[in-house]
């Protein structure tokens, strides 16, 4: 099972000076990230993940994001099976992030 992070947990982690911030990978399509995205996240659409995996750091925590958390969960399982050990899923996706962390964020 891929560990689940609540949006507020991810927000706190990103600003915690005692921890290396995770790499946030958004697996939504470019048209979706054009509407809203977590600042500093990297867009790697789910279909492109196998080809981009070699560019992702294995020694760093990766938090995966999608619209509601389902695609990012699939991405997390794929990465885990590919040997990435430090993979997390943002529970509820960007929709939950917008509700809990950035209420002014555009939604779709």
N, C-alpha and C. Protein backbone atom coordinates (compact mmCIF):
# COMPACT_ATOMS: atom_id res chain seq x y z
N UNK A 1 0.84 -1.19 0.00
CA UNK A 1 0.00 0.00 0.00
C UNK A 1 0.89 1.25 0.00
N UNK A 2 0.46 2.23 -0.72
CA UNK A 2 1.18 3.50 -0.80
C UNK A 2 0.72 4.39 0.35
N UNK A 3 1.64 4.96 1.13
CA UNK A 3 1.23 5.85 2.23
C UNK A 3 0.45 7.05 1.69
N UNK A 4 -0.59 7.41 2.43
CA UNK A 4 -1.46 8.53 2.07
C UNK A 4 -1.11 9.74 2.94
N UNK A 5 -1.02 10.90 2.31
CA UNK A 5 -0.78 12.15 3.04
C UNK A 5 -2.00 13.04 2.91
N UNK A 6 -2.43 13.62 4.00
CA UNK A 6 -3.48 14.64 3.94
C UNK A 6 -2.87 15.92 3.39
N UNK A 7 -3.67 16.75 2.72
CA UNK A 7 -3.13 17.99 2.18
C UNK A 7 -2.39 18.85 3.21
N UNK A 8 -2.93 18.99 4.39
CA UNK A 8 -2.26 19.80 5.41
C UNK A 8 -0.93 19.19 5.85
N UNK A 9 -0.84 17.85 5.85
CA UNK A 9 0.42 17.19 6.18
C UNK A 9 1.48 17.53 5.12
N UNK A 10 1.09 17.50 3.85
CA UNK A 10 2.03 17.84 2.79
C UNK A 10 2.44 19.30 2.88
N UNK A 11 1.50 20.18 3.14
CA UNK A 11 1.82 21.61 3.25
C UNK A 11 2.83 21.84 4.38
N UNK A 12 2.63 21.18 5.51
CA UNK A 12 3.55 21.34 6.64
C UNK A 12 4.92 20.76 6.32
N UNK A 13 4.95 19.63 5.65
CA UNK A 13 6.21 18.99 5.28
C UNK A 13 7.02 19.89 4.35
N UNK A 14 6.36 20.53 3.42
CA UNK A 14 7.06 21.35 2.44
C UNK A 14 7.77 22.55 3.06
N UNK A 15 7.32 23.00 4.22
CA UNK A 15 7.94 24.17 4.86
C UNK A 15 8.71 23.81 6.12
N UNK A 16 8.81 22.54 6.44
CA UNK A 16 9.52 22.10 7.63
C UNK A 16 11.03 22.16 7.38
N UNK A 17 11.75 23.05 8.08
CA UNK A 17 13.18 23.19 7.83
C UNK A 17 14.01 21.98 8.28
N UNK A 18 13.41 21.08 9.05
CA UNK A 18 14.16 19.91 9.53
C UNK A 18 14.07 18.72 8.58
N UNK A 19 13.26 18.85 7.53
CA UNK A 19 13.07 17.74 6.58
C UNK A 19 13.31 18.23 5.16
N UNK A 20 13.89 17.35 4.36
CA UNK A 20 14.02 17.68 2.94
C UNK A 20 12.61 17.68 2.34
N UNK A 21 12.27 18.73 1.61
CA UNK A 21 10.92 18.74 1.02
C UNK A 21 10.80 17.63 -0.04
N UNK A 22 9.61 17.07 -0.16
CA UNK A 22 9.43 16.02 -1.16
C UNK A 22 9.34 16.63 -2.56
N UNK A 23 9.58 15.80 -3.54
CA UNK A 23 9.31 16.18 -4.92
C UNK A 23 7.83 15.89 -5.15
N UNK A 24 7.08 16.92 -5.52
CA UNK A 24 5.66 16.74 -5.80
C UNK A 24 5.51 16.52 -7.30
N UNK A 25 4.98 15.37 -7.66
CA UNK A 25 4.80 15.00 -9.07
C UNK A 25 3.31 14.94 -9.35
N UNK A 26 2.86 15.77 -10.25
CA UNK A 26 1.45 15.85 -10.63
C UNK A 26 1.26 15.00 -11.88
N UNK A 27 0.44 13.96 -11.78
CA UNK A 27 0.25 13.03 -12.89
C UNK A 27 -0.97 13.36 -13.74
N UNK A 28 -1.53 14.54 -13.55
CA UNK A 28 -2.65 14.96 -14.39
C UNK A 28 -2.16 15.41 -15.76
N UNK A 29 -3.08 15.62 -16.65
CA UNK A 29 -2.76 16.08 -18.00
C UNK A 29 -2.44 17.58 -17.99
N UNK A 30 -1.67 18.04 -18.98
CA UNK A 30 -1.30 19.47 -19.02
C UNK A 30 -2.49 20.42 -19.00
N UNK A 31 -3.60 20.05 -19.62
CA UNK A 31 -4.76 20.95 -19.58
C UNK A 31 -5.28 21.09 -18.15
N UNK A 32 -5.12 20.05 -17.34
CA UNK A 32 -5.56 20.11 -15.94
C UNK A 32 -4.61 20.96 -15.10
N UNK A 33 -3.31 20.76 -15.29
CA UNK A 33 -2.36 21.55 -14.50
C UNK A 33 -2.37 23.00 -14.95
N UNK A 34 -2.87 23.26 -16.15
CA UNK A 34 -3.04 24.64 -16.60
C UNK A 34 -4.13 25.38 -15.84
N UNK A 35 -5.06 24.64 -15.27
CA UNK A 35 -6.14 25.25 -14.48
C UNK A 35 -5.66 25.53 -13.06
N UNK A 36 -5.01 24.55 -12.46
CA UNK A 36 -4.53 24.70 -11.09
C UNK A 36 -3.44 23.67 -10.83
N UNK A 37 -2.53 24.04 -9.96
CA UNK A 37 -1.46 23.11 -9.59
C UNK A 37 -0.81 23.57 -8.30
N UNK A 38 -0.14 22.67 -7.63
CA UNK A 38 0.62 23.00 -6.43
C UNK A 38 1.92 23.65 -6.90
N UNK A 39 2.20 24.82 -6.37
CA UNK A 39 3.40 25.55 -6.76
C UNK A 39 4.64 24.67 -6.58
N UNK A 40 5.48 24.65 -7.61
CA UNK A 40 6.71 23.89 -7.56
C UNK A 40 6.57 22.42 -7.95
N UNK A 41 5.36 21.98 -8.24
CA UNK A 41 5.18 20.58 -8.61
C UNK A 41 5.68 20.34 -10.03
N UNK A 42 6.00 19.09 -10.29
CA UNK A 42 6.47 18.69 -11.62
C UNK A 42 5.36 17.93 -12.31
N UNK A 43 5.02 18.32 -13.52
CA UNK A 43 3.95 17.66 -14.27
C UNK A 43 4.53 16.50 -15.07
N UNK A 44 4.06 15.30 -14.77
CA UNK A 44 4.41 14.09 -15.52
C UNK A 44 3.10 13.33 -15.70
N UNK A 45 2.40 13.54 -16.81
CA UNK A 45 1.13 12.83 -17.01
C UNK A 45 1.30 11.32 -16.83
N UNK A 46 0.29 10.69 -16.29
CA UNK A 46 0.36 9.27 -15.95
C UNK A 46 0.85 8.42 -17.12
N UNK A 47 0.37 8.67 -18.32
CA UNK A 47 0.78 7.87 -19.47
C UNK A 47 2.26 8.04 -19.80
N UNK A 48 2.87 9.14 -19.37
CA UNK A 48 4.27 9.40 -19.65
C UNK A 48 5.20 8.96 -18.52
N UNK A 49 4.63 8.51 -17.42
CA UNK A 49 5.42 8.15 -16.25
C UNK A 49 6.47 7.07 -16.53
N UNK A 50 6.15 5.98 -17.24
CA UNK A 50 7.19 4.97 -17.48
C UNK A 50 8.41 5.54 -18.20
N UNK A 51 8.20 6.44 -19.13
CA UNK A 51 9.32 7.03 -19.85
C UNK A 51 10.09 8.07 -19.06
N UNK A 52 9.44 8.66 -18.07
CA UNK A 52 10.06 9.72 -17.26
C UNK A 52 10.64 9.20 -15.95
N UNK A 53 10.37 7.97 -15.61
CA UNK A 53 10.79 7.43 -14.30
C UNK A 53 12.29 7.53 -14.08
N UNK A 54 13.08 7.36 -15.12
CA UNK A 54 14.54 7.42 -14.97
C UNK A 54 15.01 8.80 -14.54
N UNK A 55 14.19 9.82 -14.77
CA UNK A 55 14.54 11.19 -14.40
C UNK A 55 14.12 11.53 -12.97
N UNK A 56 13.38 10.65 -12.31
CA UNK A 56 12.92 10.92 -10.95
C UNK A 56 13.95 10.40 -9.95
N UNK A 57 14.14 11.13 -8.84
CA UNK A 57 15.14 10.72 -7.86
C UNK A 57 14.64 9.56 -6.99
N UNK A 58 15.43 8.53 -6.91
CA UNK A 58 15.07 7.38 -6.06
C UNK A 58 15.40 7.63 -4.60
N UNK A 59 16.30 8.58 -4.33
CA UNK A 59 16.75 8.83 -2.96
C UNK A 59 15.95 9.93 -2.27
N UNK A 60 14.92 10.41 -2.91
CA UNK A 60 14.12 11.51 -2.35
C UNK A 60 12.66 11.07 -2.25
N UNK A 61 11.95 11.61 -1.26
CA UNK A 61 10.53 11.34 -1.15
C UNK A 61 9.79 11.98 -2.32
N UNK A 62 8.84 11.23 -2.86
CA UNK A 62 8.01 11.71 -3.96
C UNK A 62 6.57 11.65 -3.51
N UNK A 63 5.85 12.76 -3.68
CA UNK A 63 4.42 12.80 -3.38
C UNK A 63 3.70 12.97 -4.71
N UNK A 64 2.79 12.06 -4.99
CA UNK A 64 2.05 12.05 -6.25
C UNK A 64 0.70 12.71 -6.07
N UNK A 65 0.30 13.47 -7.09
CA UNK A 65 -0.94 14.25 -7.05
C UNK A 65 -1.71 14.04 -8.34
N UNK A 66 -3.02 13.96 -8.24
CA UNK A 66 -3.89 14.01 -9.40
C UNK A 66 -5.14 14.81 -9.01
N UNK A 67 -6.25 14.60 -9.68
CA UNK A 67 -7.44 15.39 -9.37
C UNK A 67 -8.06 14.98 -8.03
N UNK A 68 -8.32 13.69 -7.87
CA UNK A 68 -8.96 13.21 -6.63
C UNK A 68 -8.18 12.13 -5.90
N UNK A 69 -7.04 11.70 -6.44
CA UNK A 69 -6.20 10.73 -5.74
C UNK A 69 -6.15 9.34 -6.35
N UNK A 70 -6.95 9.07 -7.37
CA UNK A 70 -6.97 7.73 -7.96
C UNK A 70 -5.82 7.50 -8.93
N UNK A 71 -5.64 8.40 -9.89
CA UNK A 71 -4.53 8.25 -10.85
C UNK A 71 -3.18 8.27 -10.14
N UNK A 72 -3.06 9.14 -9.15
CA UNK A 72 -1.79 9.22 -8.42
C UNK A 72 -1.53 7.95 -7.63
N UNK A 73 -2.58 7.28 -7.18
CA UNK A 73 -2.41 6.00 -6.49
C UNK A 73 -1.88 4.95 -7.48
N UNK A 74 -2.43 4.92 -8.68
CA UNK A 74 -1.91 4.01 -9.71
C UNK A 74 -0.45 4.32 -9.99
N UNK A 75 -0.12 5.61 -10.10
CA UNK A 75 1.27 6.01 -10.35
C UNK A 75 2.17 5.55 -9.21
N UNK A 76 1.69 5.67 -7.98
CA UNK A 76 2.48 5.24 -6.83
C UNK A 76 2.75 3.75 -6.84
N UNK A 77 1.75 2.96 -7.19
CA UNK A 77 1.94 1.51 -7.28
C UNK A 77 2.94 1.20 -8.38
N UNK A 78 2.83 1.88 -9.51
CA UNK A 78 3.77 1.65 -10.61
C UNK A 78 5.20 1.98 -10.17
N UNK A 79 5.38 3.15 -9.55
CA UNK A 79 6.72 3.55 -9.09
C UNK A 79 7.26 2.58 -8.05
N UNK A 80 6.42 2.17 -7.12
CA UNK A 80 6.85 1.21 -6.10
C UNK A 80 7.33 -0.08 -6.75
N UNK A 81 6.57 -0.57 -7.73
CA UNK A 81 6.96 -1.79 -8.44
C UNK A 81 8.22 -1.60 -9.27
N UNK A 82 8.52 -0.35 -9.63
CA UNK A 82 9.73 -0.05 -10.39
C UNK A 82 10.92 0.20 -9.48
N UNK A 83 10.74 0.03 -8.18
CA UNK A 83 11.85 0.13 -7.25
C UNK A 83 11.97 1.43 -6.49
N UNK A 84 10.99 2.30 -6.59
CA UNK A 84 11.00 3.55 -5.82
C UNK A 84 10.40 3.24 -4.45
N UNK A 85 11.16 3.48 -3.41
CA UNK A 85 10.71 3.12 -2.07
C UNK A 85 10.07 4.25 -1.28
N UNK A 86 10.28 5.49 -1.70
CA UNK A 86 9.82 6.63 -0.91
C UNK A 86 8.71 7.38 -1.65
N UNK A 87 7.60 6.68 -1.88
CA UNK A 87 6.49 7.20 -2.67
C UNK A 87 5.27 7.37 -1.76
N UNK A 88 4.60 8.51 -1.92
CA UNK A 88 3.40 8.84 -1.14
C UNK A 88 2.32 9.33 -2.09
N UNK A 89 1.08 9.24 -1.67
CA UNK A 89 -0.05 9.73 -2.45
C UNK A 89 -0.75 10.85 -1.68
N UNK A 90 -1.09 11.93 -2.39
CA UNK A 90 -1.85 13.01 -1.76
C UNK A 90 -3.32 12.59 -1.72
N UNK A 91 -3.81 12.30 -0.53
CA UNK A 91 -5.19 11.85 -0.35
C UNK A 91 -6.16 12.94 -0.79
N UNK A 92 -7.03 12.61 -1.71
CA UNK A 92 -8.04 13.56 -2.19
C UNK A 92 -7.56 14.44 -3.32
N UNK A 93 -6.28 14.32 -3.67
CA UNK A 93 -5.73 15.05 -4.81
C UNK A 93 -5.78 16.56 -4.70
N UNK A 94 -5.68 17.19 -5.87
CA UNK A 94 -5.66 18.65 -5.92
C UNK A 94 -6.99 19.24 -5.43
N UNK A 95 -8.07 18.48 -5.57
CA UNK A 95 -9.37 18.95 -5.08
C UNK A 95 -9.33 19.13 -3.56
N UNK A 96 -8.73 18.18 -2.86
CA UNK A 96 -8.62 18.29 -1.41
C UNK A 96 -7.62 19.37 -1.02
N UNK A 97 -6.53 19.51 -1.79
CA UNK A 97 -5.55 20.57 -1.54
C UNK A 97 -6.24 21.93 -1.62
N UNK A 98 -7.06 22.12 -2.67
CA UNK A 98 -7.77 23.39 -2.84
C UNK A 98 -8.73 23.64 -1.67
N UNK A 99 -9.37 22.62 -1.20
CA UNK A 99 -10.32 22.79 -0.08
C UNK A 99 -9.61 23.07 1.24
N UNK A 100 -8.51 22.35 1.49
CA UNK A 100 -7.88 22.39 2.81
C UNK A 100 -6.70 23.35 2.95
N UNK A 101 -6.01 23.62 1.84
CA UNK A 101 -4.77 24.41 1.93
C UNK A 101 -4.88 25.72 1.15
N UNK A 102 -5.39 25.68 -0.06
CA UNK A 102 -5.48 26.88 -0.90
C UNK A 102 -6.91 27.10 -1.35
N UNK A 103 -7.77 27.63 -0.48
CA UNK A 103 -9.18 27.77 -0.84
C UNK A 103 -9.44 28.70 -2.03
N UNK A 104 -8.50 29.57 -2.36
CA UNK A 104 -8.68 30.47 -3.49
C UNK A 104 -8.27 29.86 -4.82
N UNK A 105 -7.77 28.64 -4.80
CA UNK A 105 -7.30 27.97 -6.01
C UNK A 105 -8.46 27.69 -6.95
N UNK A 106 -8.22 27.83 -8.25
CA UNK A 106 -9.23 27.48 -9.24
C UNK A 106 -9.53 25.98 -9.13
N UNK A 107 -10.78 25.63 -9.46
CA UNK A 107 -11.20 24.23 -9.38
C UNK A 107 -11.90 23.83 -10.67
N UNK A 108 -11.97 22.55 -10.89
CA UNK A 108 -12.68 22.04 -12.07
C UNK A 108 -13.36 20.74 -11.73
